[in-house]
Amino acid sequence: MLVLCVLAENEATRFNAIGKAIPDISPKVLTDTLKNLERDNLVTRKIYAEIPPRVEYSLTELGKSLMPVIGSLISWSLENFEKVTNDRH
């Protein structure tokens, strides 16, 4: 969800920018996550024929359609965080 949220904030985002926005994610986990999101048609990867090559990631239309649902989940989490943590045993 964090990767999707980062991509939703920008039209197109480079790998290193995603990594900086999520400092606790390792490059391997980020790579695997982006591959899985691309496989699921939530993210698209565009490679530019430059030296060095430039790669940008962005949300597909399907990925964009998921963002309101994620936004609702985040809102619910923020509203209920104290209740959930206070009810833990």
PDB file of N, CA and C in Angstrom:
ATOM      1  N   MET A   1       0.818  -1.193   0.000  1.00  0.00           N
ATOM      2  CA  MET A   1       0.000   0.000   0.000  1.00  0.00           C
ATOM      3  C   MET A   1       0.861   1.256   0.000  1.00  0.00           C
ATOM      4  N   LEU A   2       1.981   1.213   0.689  1.00  0.00           N
ATOM      5  CA  LEU A   2       2.835   2.401   0.737  1.00  0.00           C
ATOM      6  C   LEU A   2       3.359   2.774  -0.645  1.00  0.00           C
ATOM      7  N   VAL A   3       3.754   1.785  -1.421  1.00  0.00           N
ATOM      8  CA  VAL A   3       4.262   2.055  -2.764  1.00  0.00           C
ATOM      9  C   VAL A   3       3.147   2.673  -3.612  1.00  0.00           C
ATOM     10  N   LEU A   4       1.955   2.139  -3.522  1.00  0.00           N
ATOM     11  CA  LEU A   4       0.831   2.696  -4.273  1.00  0.00           C
ATOM     12  C   LEU A   4       0.551   4.137  -3.854  1.00  0.00           C
ATOM     13  N   CYS A   5       0.631   4.409  -2.570  1.00  0.00           N
ATOM     14  CA  CYS A   5       0.392   5.773  -2.081  1.00  0.00           C
ATOM     15  C   CYS A   5       1.457   6.739  -2.593  1.00  0.00           C
ATOM     16  N   VAL A   6       2.705   6.309  -2.613  1.00  0.00           N
ATOM     17  CA  VAL A   6       3.778   7.159  -3.145  1.00  0.00           C
ATOM     18  C   VAL A   6       3.534   7.441  -4.625  1.00  0.00           C
ATOM     19  N   LEU A   7       3.164   6.417  -5.374  1.00  0.00           N
ATOM     20  CA  LEU A   7       2.929   6.599  -6.801  1.00  0.00           C
ATOM     21  C   LEU A   7       1.694   7.461  -7.064  1.00  0.00           C
ATOM     22  N   ALA A   8       0.716   7.395  -6.166  1.00  0.00           N
ATOM     23  CA  ALA A   8      -0.495   8.202  -6.338  1.00  0.00           C
ATOM     24  C   ALA A   8      -0.209   9.688  -6.162  1.00  0.00           C
ATOM     25  N   GLU A   9       0.826  10.022  -5.426  1.00  0.00           N
ATOM     26  CA  GLU A   9       1.166  11.424  -5.182  1.00  0.00           C
ATOM     27  C   GLU A   9       1.861  12.072  -6.373  1.00  0.00           C
ATOM     28  N   ASN A  10       2.384  11.282  -7.281  1.00  0.00           N
ATOM     29  CA  ASN A  10       3.156  11.793  -8.414  1.00  0.00           C
ATOM     30  C   ASN A  10       2.668  11.140  -9.696  1.00  0.00           C
ATOM     31  N   GLU A  11       2.821  11.835 -10.792  1.00  0.00           N
ATOM     32  CA  GLU A  11       2.431  11.266 -12.088  1.00  0.00           C
ATOM     33  C   GLU A  11       3.345  10.100 -12.469  1.00  0.00           C
ATOM     34  N   ALA A  12       4.644  10.283 -12.316  1.00  0.00           N
ATOM     35  CA  ALA A  12       5.619   9.237 -12.622  1.00  0.00           C
ATOM     36  C   ALA A  12       6.763   9.373 -11.618  1.00  0.00           C
ATOM     37  N   THR A  13       7.248   8.235 -11.122  1.00  0.00           N
ATOM     38  CA  THR A  13       8.231   8.263 -10.049  1.00  0.00           C
ATOM     39  C   THR A  13       9.354   7.271 -10.351  1.00  0.00           C
ATOM     40  N   ARG A  14      10.562   7.709 -10.110  1.00  0.00           N
ATOM     41  CA  ARG A  14      11.722   6.840 -10.310  1.00  0.00           C
ATOM     42  C   ARG A  14      11.932   5.947  -9.085  1.00  0.00           C
ATOM     43  N   PHE A  15      12.612   4.845  -9.307  1.00  0.00           N
ATOM     44  CA  PHE A  15      12.857   3.846  -8.266  1.00  0.00           C
ATOM     45  C   PHE A  15      13.462   4.476  -7.011  1.00  0.00           C
ATOM     46  N   ASN A  16      14.524   5.265  -7.183  1.00  0.00           N
ATOM     47  CA  ASN A  16      15.198   5.861  -6.020  1.00  0.00           C
ATOM     48  C   ASN A  16      14.292   6.814  -5.251  1.00  0.00           C
ATOM     49  N   ALA A  17      13.411   7.517  -5.951  1.00  0.00           N
ATOM     50  CA  ALA A  17      12.484   8.432  -5.281  1.00  0.00           C
ATOM     51  C   ALA A  17      11.470   7.650  -4.438  1.00  0.00           C
ATOM     52  N   ILE A  18      11.046   6.502  -4.940  1.00  0.00           N
ATOM     53  CA  ILE A  18      10.137   5.657  -4.155  1.00  0.00           C
ATOM     54  C   ILE A  18      10.864   5.169  -2.904  1.00  0.00           C
ATOM     55  N   GLY A  19      12.109   4.722  -3.082  1.00  0.00           N
ATOM     56  CA  GLY A  19      12.911   4.246  -1.955  1.00  0.00           C
ATOM     57  C   GLY A  19      13.133   5.327  -0.907  1.00  0.00           C
ATOM     58  N   LYS A  20      13.338   6.560  -1.335  1.00  0.00           N
ATOM     59  CA  LYS A  20      13.524   7.660  -0.386  1.00  0.00           C
ATOM     60  C   LYS A  20      12.235   7.980   0.360  1.00  0.00           C
ATOM     61  N   ALA A  21      11.108   7.828  -0.313  1.00  0.00           N
ATOM     62  CA  ALA A  21       9.819   8.100   0.322  1.00  0.00           C
ATOM     63  C   ALA A  21       9.444   7.022   1.337  1.00  0.00           C
ATOM     64  N   ILE A  22      10.013   5.826   1.174  1.00  0.00           N
ATOM     65  CA  ILE A  22       9.774   4.698   2.094  1.00  0.00           C
ATOM     66  C   ILE A  22      11.141   4.241   2.588  1.00  0.00           C
ATOM     67  N   PRO A  23      11.722   4.947   3.537  1.00  0.00           N
ATOM     68  CA  PRO A  23      13.114   4.680   3.905  1.00  0.00           C
ATOM     69  C   PRO A  23      13.379   3.291   4.495  1.00  0.00           C
ATOM     70  N   ASP A  24      12.381   2.638   5.049  1.00  0.00           N
ATOM     71  CA  ASP A  24      12.612   1.327   5.676  1.00  0.00           C
ATOM     72  C   ASP A  24      12.542   0.157   4.703  1.00  0.00           C
ATOM     73  N   ILE A  25      12.274   0.425   3.432  1.00  0.00           N
ATOM     74  CA  ILE A  25      12.150  -0.666   2.458  1.00  0.00           C
ATOM     75  C   ILE A  25      13.511  -0.937   1.816  1.00  0.00           C
ATOM     76  N   SER A  26      13.848  -2.198   1.701  1.00  0.00           N
ATOM     77  CA  SER A  26      15.120  -2.554   1.063  1.00  0.00           C
ATOM     78  C   SER A  26      14.948  -2.509  -0.456  1.00  0.00           C
ATOM     79  N   PRO A  27      16.032  -2.326  -1.188  1.00  0.00           N
ATOM     80  CA  PRO A  27      15.928  -2.327  -2.658  1.00  0.00           C
ATOM     81  C   PRO A  27      15.321  -3.615  -3.206  1.00  0.00           C
ATOM     82  N   LYS A  28      15.659  -4.752  -2.605  1.00  0.00           N
ATOM     83  CA  LYS A  28      15.108  -6.031  -3.084  1.00  0.00           C
ATOM     84  C   LYS A  28      13.607  -6.100  -2.870  1.00  0.00           C
ATOM     85  N   VAL A  29      13.155  -5.707  -1.695  1.00  0.00           N
ATOM     86  CA  VAL A  29      11.717  -5.747  -1.417  1.00  0.00           C
ATOM     87  C   VAL A  29      10.982  -4.758  -2.327  1.00  0.00           C
ATOM     88  N   LEU A  30      11.565  -3.585  -2.543  1.00  0.00           N
ATOM     89  CA  LEU A  30      10.941  -2.609  -3.434  1.00  0.00           C
ATOM     90  C   LEU A  30      10.872  -3.154  -4.863  1.00  0.00           C
ATOM     91  N   THR A  31      11.944  -3.759  -5.323  1.00  0.00           N
ATOM     92  CA  THR A  31      11.952  -4.352  -6.664  1.00  0.00           C
ATOM     93  C   THR A  31      10.882  -5.424  -6.797  1.00  0.00           C
ATOM     94  N   ASP A  32      10.826  -6.323  -5.819  1.00  0.00           N
ATOM     95  CA  ASP A  32       9.828  -7.401  -5.852  1.00  0.00           C
ATOM     96  C   ASP A  32       8.408  -6.835  -5.797  1.00  0.00           C
ATOM     97  N   THR A  33       8.197  -5.825  -4.969  1.00  0.00           N
ATOM     98  CA  THR A  33       6.873  -5.213  -4.839  1.00  0.00           C
ATOM     99  C   THR A  33       6.450  -4.574  -6.153  1.00  0.00           C
ATOM    100  N   LEU A  34       7.353  -3.816  -6.778  1.00  0.00           N
ATOM    101  CA  LEU A  34       7.025  -3.179  -8.054  1.00  0.00           C
ATOM    102  C   LEU A  34       6.740  -4.212  -9.135  1.00  0.00           C
ATOM    103  N   LYS A  35       7.511  -5.304  -9.165  1.00  0.00           N
ATOM    104  CA  LYS A  35       7.264  -6.373 -10.147  1.00  0.00           C
ATOM    105  C   LYS A  35       5.881  -6.987  -9.942  1.00  0.00           C
ATOM    106  N   ASN A  36       5.523  -7.243  -8.680  1.00  0.00           N
ATOM    107  CA  ASN A  36       4.212  -7.823  -8.391  1.00  0.00           C
ATOM    108  C   ASN A  36       3.078  -6.858  -8.745  1.00  0.00           C
ATOM    109  N   LEU A  37       3.260  -5.579  -8.432  1.00  0.00           N
ATOM    110  CA  LEU A  37       2.232  -4.590  -8.766  1.00  0.00           C
ATOM    111  C   LEU A  37       2.098  -4.434 -10.282  1.00  0.00           C
ATOM    112  N   GLU A  38       3.213  -4.531 -10.989  1.00  0.00           N
ATOM    113  CA  GLU A  38       3.169  -4.471 -12.452  1.00  0.00           C
ATOM    114  C   GLU A  38       2.472  -5.714 -13.007  1.00  0.00           C
ATOM    115  N   ARG A  39       2.785  -6.869 -12.471  1.00  0.00           N
ATOM    116  CA  ARG A  39       2.151  -8.120 -12.899  1.00  0.00           C
ATOM    117  C   ARG A  39       0.638  -8.070 -12.695  1.00  0.00           C
ATOM    118  N   ASP A  40       0.208  -7.415 -11.602  1.00  0.00           N
ATOM    119  CA  ASP A  40      -1.216  -7.322 -11.282  1.00  0.00           C
ATOM    120  C   ASP A  40      -1.912  -6.154 -11.986  1.00  0.00           C
ATOM    121  N   ASN A  41      -1.184  -5.473 -12.870  1.00  0.00           N
ATOM    122  CA  ASN A  41      -1.708  -4.363 -13.664  1.00  0.00           C
ATOM    123  C   ASN A  41      -2.122  -3.165 -12.806  1.00  0.00           C
ATOM    124  N   LEU A  42      -1.456  -2.975 -11.679  1.00  0.00           N
ATOM    125  CA  LEU A  42      -1.713  -1.804 -10.841  1.00  0.00           C
ATOM    126  C   LEU A  42      -0.686  -0.707 -11.101  1.00  0.00           C
ATOM    127  N   VAL A  43       0.483  -1.107 -11.607  1.00  0.00           N
ATOM    128  CA  VAL A  43       1.591  -0.180 -11.855  1.00  0.00           C
ATOM    129  C   VAL A  43       2.134  -0.455 -13.251  1.00  0.00           C
ATOM    130  N   THR A  44       2.548   0.612 -13.903  1.00  0.00           N
ATOM    131  CA  THR A  44       3.213   0.467 -15.193  1.00  0.00           C
ATOM    132  C   THR A  44       4.640   0.994 -15.081  1.00  0.00           C
ATOM    133  N   ARG A  45       5.515   0.393 -15.836  1.00  0.00           N
ATOM    134  CA  ARG A  45       6.929   0.789 -15.842  1.00  0.00           C
ATOM    135  C   ARG A  45       7.272   1.288 -17.236  1.00  0.00           C
ATOM    136  N   LYS A  46       7.869   2.465 -17.298  1.00  0.00           N
ATOM    137  CA  LYS A  46       8.276   3.032 -18.579  1.00  0.00           C
ATOM    138  C   LYS A  46       9.785   3.203 -18.578  1.00  0.00           C
ATOM    139  N   ILE A  47      10.427   2.639 -19.599  1.00  0.00           N
ATOM    140  CA  ILE A  47      11.884   2.713 -19.738  1.00  0.00           C
ATOM    141  C   ILE A  47      12.199   3.710 -20.851  1.00  0.00           C
ATOM    142  N   TYR A  48      13.050   4.670 -20.542  1.00  0.00           N
ATOM    143  CA  TYR A  48      13.471   5.672 -21.518  1.00  0.00           C
ATOM    144  C   TYR A  48      14.826   5.264 -22.096  1.00  0.00           C
ATOM    145  N   ALA A  49      14.952   5.379 -23.394  1.00  0.00           N
ATOM    146  CA  ALA A  49      16.199   5.012 -24.085  1.00  0.00           C
ATOM    147  C   ALA A  49      17.217   6.136 -23.922  1.00  0.00           C
ATOM    148  N   GLU A  50      17.793   6.204 -22.751  1.00  0.00           N
ATOM    149  CA  GLU A  50      18.805   7.210 -22.424  1.00  0.00           C
ATOM    150  C   GLU A  50      20.009   6.493 -21.831  1.00  0.00           C
ATOM    151  N   ILE A  51      21.094   7.221 -21.711  1.00  0.00           N
ATOM    152  CA  ILE A  51      22.279   6.684 -21.055  1.00  0.00           C
ATOM    153  C   ILE A  51      22.584   7.603 -19.880  1.00  0.00           C
ATOM    154  N   PRO A  52      22.529   7.151 -18.647  1.00  0.00           N
ATOM    155  CA  PRO A  52      22.057   5.823 -18.235  1.00  0.00           C
ATOM    156  C   PRO A  52      20.539   5.707 -18.418  1.00  0.00           C
ATOM    157  N   PRO A  53      20.036   4.480 -18.524  1.00  0.00           N
ATOM    158  CA  PRO A  53      18.597   4.298 -18.721  1.00  0.00           C
ATOM    159  C   PRO A  53      17.801   4.898 -17.566  1.00  0.00           C
ATOM    160  N   ARG A  54      16.678   5.479 -17.908  1.00  0.00           N
ATOM    161  CA  ARG A  54      15.792   6.051 -16.890  1.00  0.00           C
ATOM    162  C   ARG A  54      14.517   5.217 -16.898  1.00  0.00           C
ATOM    163  N   VAL A  55      14.075   4.822 -15.707  1.00  0.00           N
ATOM    164  CA  VAL A  55      12.865   4.031 -15.555  1.00  0.00           C
ATOM    165  C   VAL A  55      11.939   4.770 -14.604  1.00  0.00           C
ATOM    166  N   GLU A  56      10.689   4.911 -15.016  1.00  0.00           N
ATOM    167  CA  GLU A  56       9.689   5.558 -14.166  1.00  0.00           C
ATOM    168  C   GLU A  56       8.502   4.630 -13.971  1.00  0.00           C
ATOM    169  N   TYR A  57       7.928   4.709 -12.791  1.00  0.00           N
ATOM    170  CA  TYR A  57       6.762   3.912 -12.445  1.00  0.00           C
ATOM    171  C   TYR A  57       5.583   4.837 -12.222  1.00  0.00           C
ATOM    172  N   SER A  58       4.409   4.367 -12.610  1.00  0.00           N
ATOM    173  CA  SER A  58       3.192   5.138 -12.373  1.00  0.00           C
ATOM    174  C   SER A  58       2.017   4.176 -12.219  1.00  0.00           C
ATOM    175  N   LEU A  59       0.944   4.698 -11.661  1.00  0.00           N
ATOM    176  CA  LEU A  59      -0.252   3.886 -11.491  1.00  0.00           C
ATOM    177  C   LEU A  59      -0.973   3.715 -12.822  1.00  0.00           C
ATOM    178  N   THR A  60      -1.507   2.537 -13.047  1.00  0.00           N
ATOM    179  CA  THR A  60      -2.392   2.313 -14.190  1.00  0.00           C
ATOM    180  C   THR A  60      -3.776   2.839 -13.813  1.00  0.00           C
ATOM    181  N   GLU A  61      -4.688   2.787 -14.749  1.00  0.00           N
ATOM    182  CA  GLU A  61      -6.074   3.191 -14.436  1.00  0.00           C
ATOM    183  C   GLU A  61      -6.648   2.285 -13.344  1.00  0.00           C
ATOM    184  N   LEU A  62      -6.323   1.004 -13.402  1.00  0.00           N
ATOM    185  CA  LEU A  62      -6.781   0.082 -12.364  1.00  0.00           C
ATOM    186  C   LEU A  62      -6.201   0.464 -11.005  1.00  0.00           C
ATOM    187  N   GLY A  63      -4.909   0.805 -10.989  1.00  0.00           N
ATOM    188  CA  GLY A  63      -4.263   1.239  -9.754  1.00  0.00           C
ATOM    189  C   GLY A  63      -4.891   2.516  -9.213  1.00  0.00           C
ATOM    190  N   LYS A  64      -5.172   3.462 -10.107  1.00  0.00           N
ATOM    191  CA  LYS A  64      -5.821   4.706  -9.681  1.00  0.00           C
ATOM    192  C   LYS A  64      -7.197   4.441  -9.101  1.00  0.00           C
ATOM    193  N   SER A  65      -7.913   3.461  -9.662  1.00  0.00           N
ATOM    194  CA  SER A  65      -9.259   3.150  -9.157  1.00  0.00           C
ATOM    195  C   SER A  65      -9.215   2.537  -7.762  1.00  0.00           C
ATOM    196  N   LEU A  66      -8.072   1.989  -7.375  1.00  0.00           N
ATOM    197  CA  LEU A  66      -7.912   1.396  -6.048  1.00  0.00           C
ATOM    198  C   LEU A  66      -7.657   2.451  -4.965  1.00  0.00           C
ATOM    199  N   MET A  67      -7.154   3.611  -5.348  1.00  0.00           N
ATOM    200  CA  MET A  67      -6.728   4.613  -4.371  1.00  0.00           C
ATOM    201  C   MET A  67      -7.850   5.129  -3.464  1.00  0.00           C
ATOM    202  N   PRO A  68      -9.075   5.343  -3.934  1.00  0.00           N
ATOM    203  CA  PRO A  68     -10.132   5.752  -2.994  1.00  0.00           C
ATOM    204  C   PRO A  68     -10.402   4.707  -1.907  1.00  0.00           C
ATOM    205  N   VAL A  69     -10.273   3.442  -2.269  1.00  0.00           N
ATOM    206  CA  VAL A  69     -10.470   2.366  -1.286  1.00  0.00           C
ATOM    207  C   VAL A  69      -9.350   2.408  -0.249  1.00  0.00           C
ATOM    208  N   ILE A  70      -8.119   2.574  -0.710  1.00  0.00           N
ATOM    209  CA  ILE A  70      -6.983   2.678   0.211  1.00  0.00           C
ATOM    210  C   ILE A  70      -7.127   3.924   1.073  1.00  0.00           C
ATOM    211  N   GLY A  71      -7.573   5.033   0.479  1.00  0.00           N
ATOM    212  CA  GLY A  71      -7.805   6.264   1.245  1.00  0.00           C
ATOM    213  C   GLY A  71      -8.826   6.055   2.351  1.00  0.00           C
ATOM    214  N   SER A  72      -9.883   5.314   2.061  1.00  0.00           N
ATOM    215  CA  SER A  72     -10.892   5.004   3.085  1.00  0.00           C
ATOM    216  C   SER A  72     -10.299   4.151   4.199  1.00  0.00           C
ATOM    217  N   LEU A  73      -9.482   3.191   3.836  1.00  0.00           N
ATOM    218  CA  LEU A  73      -8.828   2.333   4.829  1.00  0.00           C
ATOM    219  C   LEU A  73      -7.892   3.152   5.715  1.00  0.00           C
ATOM    220  N   ILE A  74      -7.144   4.070   5.127  1.00  0.00           N
ATOM    221  CA  ILE A  74      -6.252   4.930   5.907  1.00  0.00           C
ATOM    222  C   ILE A  74      -7.063   5.812   6.851  1.00  0.00           C
ATOM    223  N   SER A  75      -8.143   6.394   6.353  1.00  0.00           N
ATOM    224  CA  SER A  75      -9.001   7.236   7.200  1.00  0.00           C
ATOM    225  C   SER A  75      -9.561   6.439   8.371  1.00  0.00           C
ATOM    226  N   TRP A  76     -10.056   5.232   8.091  1.00  0.00           N
ATOM    227  CA  TRP A  76     -10.587   4.394   9.153  1.00  0.00           C
ATOM    228  C   TRP A  76      -9.503   4.094  10.186  1.00  0.00           C
ATOM    229  N   SER A  77      -8.307   3.772   9.703  1.00  0.00           N
ATOM    230  CA  SER A  77      -7.197   3.445  10.605  1.00  0.00           C
ATOM    231  C   SER A  77      -6.857   4.620  11.510  1.00  0.00           C
ATOM    232  N   LEU A  78      -6.811   5.806  10.943  1.00  0.00           N
ATOM    233  CA  LEU A  78      -6.492   6.997  11.739  1.00  0.00           C
ATOM    234  C   LEU A  78      -7.586   7.284  12.776  1.00  0.00           C
ATOM    235  N   GLU A  79      -8.831   7.109  12.377  1.00  0.00           N
ATOM    236  CA  GLU A  79      -9.941   7.358  13.293  1.00  0.00           C
ATOM    237  C   GLU A  79     -10.011   6.332  14.416  1.00  0.00           C
ATOM    238  N   ASN A  80      -9.580   5.125  14.181  1.00  0.00           N
ATOM    239  CA  ASN A  80      -9.751   4.042  15.153  1.00  0.00           C
ATOM    240  C   ASN A  80      -8.461   3.540  15.771  1.00  0.00           C
ATOM    241  N   PHE A  81      -7.352   4.198  15.493  1.00  0.00           N
ATOM    242  CA  PHE A  81      -6.055   3.740  15.972  1.00  0.00           C
ATOM    243  C   PHE A  81      -6.029   3.581  17.487  1.00  0.00           C
ATOM    244  N   GLU A  82      -6.460   4.595  18.213  1.00  0.00           N
ATOM    245  CA  GLU A  82      -6.417   4.522  19.681  1.00  0.00           C
ATOM    246  C   GLU A  82      -7.303   3.418  20.213  1.00  0.00           C
ATOM    247  N   LYS A  83      -8.500   3.267  19.664  1.00  0.00           N
ATOM    248  CA  LYS A  83      -9.407   2.226  20.127  1.00  0.00           C
ATOM    249  C   LYS A  83      -8.792   0.837  19.914  1.00  0.00           C
ATOM    250  N   VAL A  84      -8.211   0.636  18.753  1.00  0.00           N
ATOM    251  CA  VAL A  84      -7.610  -0.671  18.445  1.00  0.00           C
ATOM    252  C   VAL A  84      -6.433  -0.939  19.379  1.00  0.00           C
ATOM    253  N   THR A  85      -5.564   0.050  19.553  1.00  0.00           N
ATOM    254  CA  THR A  85      -4.376  -0.182  20.397  1.00  0.00           C
ATOM    255  C   THR A  85      -4.740  -0.271  21.874  1.00  0.00           C
ATOM    256  N   ASN A  86      -5.758   0.469  22.298  1.00  0.00           N
ATOM    257  CA  ASN A  86      -6.170   0.409  23.706  1.00  0.00           C
ATOM    258  C   ASN A  86      -6.858  -0.903  24.053  1.00  0.00           C
ATOM    259  N   ASP A  87      -7.479  -1.552  23.086  1.00  0.00           N
ATOM    260  CA  ASP A  87      -8.189  -2.793  23.330  1.00  0.00           C
ATOM    261  C   ASP A  87      -7.279  -4.028  23.285  1.00  0.00           C
ATOM    262  N   ARG A  88      -6.022  -3.840  23.007  1.00  0.00           N
ATOM    263  CA  ARG A  88      -5.103  -4.974  22.970  1.00  0.00           C
ATOM    264  C   ARG A  88      -4.853  -5.487  24.388  1.00  0.00           C
ATOM    265  N   HIS A  89      -4.675  -6.766  24.479  1.00  0.00           N
ATOM    266  CA  HIS A  89      -4.431  -7.382  25.801  1.00  0.00           C
ATOM    267  C   HIS A  89      -2.966  -7.647  25.996  1.00  0.00           C
TER     268      HIS A  89
END
